[in-house]
Each structure stands twice: as structure tokens, then as C-alpha cells.
Protein backbone atom coordinates (compact mmCIF):
# COMPACT_ATOMS: atom_id res chain seq x y z
CA GLN A 1 -131.18 -23.75 -25.67
CA VAL A 2 -131.70 -19.94 -26.07
CA GLN A 3 -128.79 -18.47 -27.80
CA LEU A 4 -128.43 -14.71 -28.79
CA VAL A 5 -125.31 -13.63 -30.93
CA GLU A 6 -124.61 -9.79 -31.27
CA SER A 7 -122.62 -8.35 -34.14
CA GLY A 8 -121.97 -4.91 -35.70
CA GLY A 9 -120.26 -2.90 -33.02
CA GLY A 10 -117.17 -1.06 -33.64
CA LEU A 11 -115.50 2.53 -33.60
CA VAL A 12 -117.42 5.46 -35.13
CA GLN A 13 -117.12 9.07 -35.21
CA PRO A 14 -119.62 11.33 -33.51
CA GLY A 15 -122.52 11.90 -35.70
CA GLY A 16 -122.01 8.52 -37.42
CA SER A 17 -124.10 5.43 -37.74
CA LEU A 18 -124.06 1.74 -36.93
CA ARG A 19 -126.41 -1.18 -37.12
CA LEU A 20 -126.24 -3.91 -34.52
CA SER A 21 -127.71 -7.31 -35.10
CA CYS A 22 -128.72 -10.06 -32.79
CA ALA A 23 -129.27 -13.60 -34.11
CA ALA A 24 -131.60 -15.52 -31.94
CA SER A 25 -132.18 -19.28 -31.78
CA GLY A 26 -133.55 -21.93 -29.42
CA PHE A 27 -137.08 -20.49 -29.07
CA THR A 28 -139.96 -19.30 -31.18
CA PHE A 29 -138.56 -15.88 -31.86
CA SER A 30 -141.90 -14.30 -33.26
CA ARG A 31 -143.68 -14.77 -30.06
CA TYR A 32 -141.19 -12.92 -27.64
CA VAL A 33 -140.27 -9.47 -26.69
CA MET A 34 -136.65 -8.51 -27.78
CA SER A 35 -134.56 -5.78 -26.22
CA TRP A 36 -131.33 -3.93 -26.47
CA TYR A 37 -129.46 -2.92 -23.40
CA ARG A 38 -126.27 -1.21 -22.91
CA GLN A 39 -123.72 -0.85 -20.11
CA ALA A 40 -121.06 1.89 -19.98
CA PRO A 41 -117.79 1.38 -17.77
CA GLY A 42 -118.57 1.87 -14.12
CA LYS A 43 -122.46 2.24 -14.90
CA GLU A 44 -125.40 -0.16 -14.61
CA ARG A 45 -126.97 -2.01 -17.54
CA ASP A 46 -129.72 0.11 -19.02
CA LEU A 47 -132.60 -0.56 -21.29
CA VAL A 48 -132.08 1.00 -24.77
CA ALA A 49 -135.01 -0.21 -26.73
CA SER A 50 -137.62 -3.14 -26.84
CA ILE A 51 -139.76 -4.52 -29.60
CA LEU A 52 -142.83 -6.60 -28.99
CA PRO A 53 -143.98 -9.51 -31.10
CA GLY A 54 -146.65 -7.25 -32.90
CA GLY A 55 -144.00 -4.59 -33.73
CA PHE A 56 -144.73 -2.05 -30.96
CA THR A 57 -141.48 -0.47 -29.88
CA ASN A 58 -140.34 1.64 -26.95
CA TYR A 59 -137.07 3.50 -26.30
CA ALA A 60 -135.05 5.15 -23.64
CA ASP A 61 -135.49 8.95 -23.81
CA SER A 62 -131.75 9.48 -24.50
CA VAL A 63 -131.97 7.51 -27.76
CA LYS A 64 -135.42 8.55 -29.16
CA ALA A 65 -135.37 9.83 -32.63
CA ARG A 66 -131.91 8.61 -33.08
CA PHE A 67 -132.12 4.81 -32.74
CA THR A 68 -134.64 2.41 -34.42
CA ILE A 69 -135.18 -1.15 -33.29
CA PHE A 70 -136.77 -3.68 -35.80
CA ARG A 71 -137.16 -7.30 -36.27
CA ASP A 72 -136.81 -9.56 -39.21
CA TYR A 73 -139.04 -12.78 -38.49
CA ALA A 74 -137.67 -14.84 -41.52
CA LYS A 75 -134.12 -14.35 -40.24
CA ASN A 76 -134.81 -14.55 -36.44
CA THR A 77 -132.90 -11.40 -36.13
CA VAL A 78 -133.64 -8.18 -34.09
CA TYR A 79 -131.51 -5.06 -35.22
CA LEU A 80 -130.67 -1.70 -33.67
CA GLN A 81 -130.16 1.08 -36.07
CA MET A 82 -128.15 3.76 -34.33
CA ASN A 83 -127.69 7.21 -36.07
CA SER A 84 -126.35 10.62 -34.96
CA LEU A 85 -124.12 8.80 -32.46
CA LYS A 86 -122.68 10.63 -29.50
CA PRO A 87 -119.58 9.94 -27.24
CA GLU A 88 -122.12 9.20 -24.53
CA ASP A 89 -123.49 6.24 -26.52
CA THR A 90 -120.00 4.61 -26.02
CA ALA A 91 -121.05 1.11 -24.35
CA VAL A 92 -121.12 -2.68 -24.56
CA TYR A 93 -124.52 -3.33 -26.25
CA TYR A 94 -126.40 -6.50 -25.18
CA CYS A 95 -129.47 -8.42 -26.78
CA SER A 96 -132.00 -9.75 -24.39
CA THR A 97 -135.04 -11.72 -24.00
CA ILE A 98 -137.25 -13.30 -21.26
CA TYR A 99 -138.01 -16.88 -22.03
CA GLU A 100 -139.94 -19.29 -19.66
CA GLY A 101 -139.25 -17.05 -16.76
CA GLY A 102 -135.46 -16.70 -17.33
CA ARG A 103 -133.67 -13.71 -18.82
CA TYR A 104 -131.19 -14.43 -21.48
CA TRP A 105 -128.25 -12.39 -22.85
CA GLY A 106 -125.97 -12.22 -25.63
CA GLN A 107 -122.09 -11.80 -25.24
CA GLY A 108 -122.31 -8.25 -26.06
CA THR A 109 -120.82 -6.05 -28.73
CA GLN A 110 -118.63 -2.98 -28.02
CA VAL A 111 -119.63 0.34 -29.51
CA THR A 112 -117.18 3.15 -29.16
CA VAL A 113 -118.03 6.75 -30.35
CA SER A 114 -114.96 8.94 -30.63
CA SER A 115 -113.21 11.26 -32.89
């Protein structure tokens, strides 16, 4: 079955960097869009970034030029490199894909940006 396992969250000061990882299994990773979402307390879960099988990427306006999504086909892993972090980036970050008509989520990883 599809499994998505995130890692790499933590506490970081404003202006700092983190790299999130999502290890995927149970499907042919190279053929599917992979996405990162985030959900802050009391808010909806929002799309942060997506990467298509061919490498095309798109980003939420709030993270453009600060975040980079990329994938390693050999490791079946998608990453989110986050630079110049701001307190408003604090949220639980989720990896996600759509496979055979169903959306799948990882368990989430907490990112806290605070001094």
C-alpha cells in the first residue's frame, strides 16, 4: 500500500533553514505528482509546492524564492528545502500524492520558526 513518511522538521530561528524529506513506497514514484502541504493551528491545510514527474514545479506565492521542492528518483524521496524561514511558516507539513483516484498523506512533521 501507499506509504509516505516525512522527516526533518524541528525548531529553527527566523531566517534559518530546514530540509524536509518524504520517503515514498507502494507505488511507482517516478510517475506521480508529489506535493507538500502545511497546516497551521486553526487554519486549513494549504498547498505549499508540487513537483511533476518530469520535474516541473509550482509554489504558493508565500514561499516562492524561499522554498525549493525536488525529488530523488533513486531514493523514491521528495524533499522541501526551506530557506529564510519566517514565523508564519510555522505549521505541520505533510507530504501527499494522488494514486488511483485516492489522495494519500504522510503523518506530518512539525516545523516551528521562533526565536
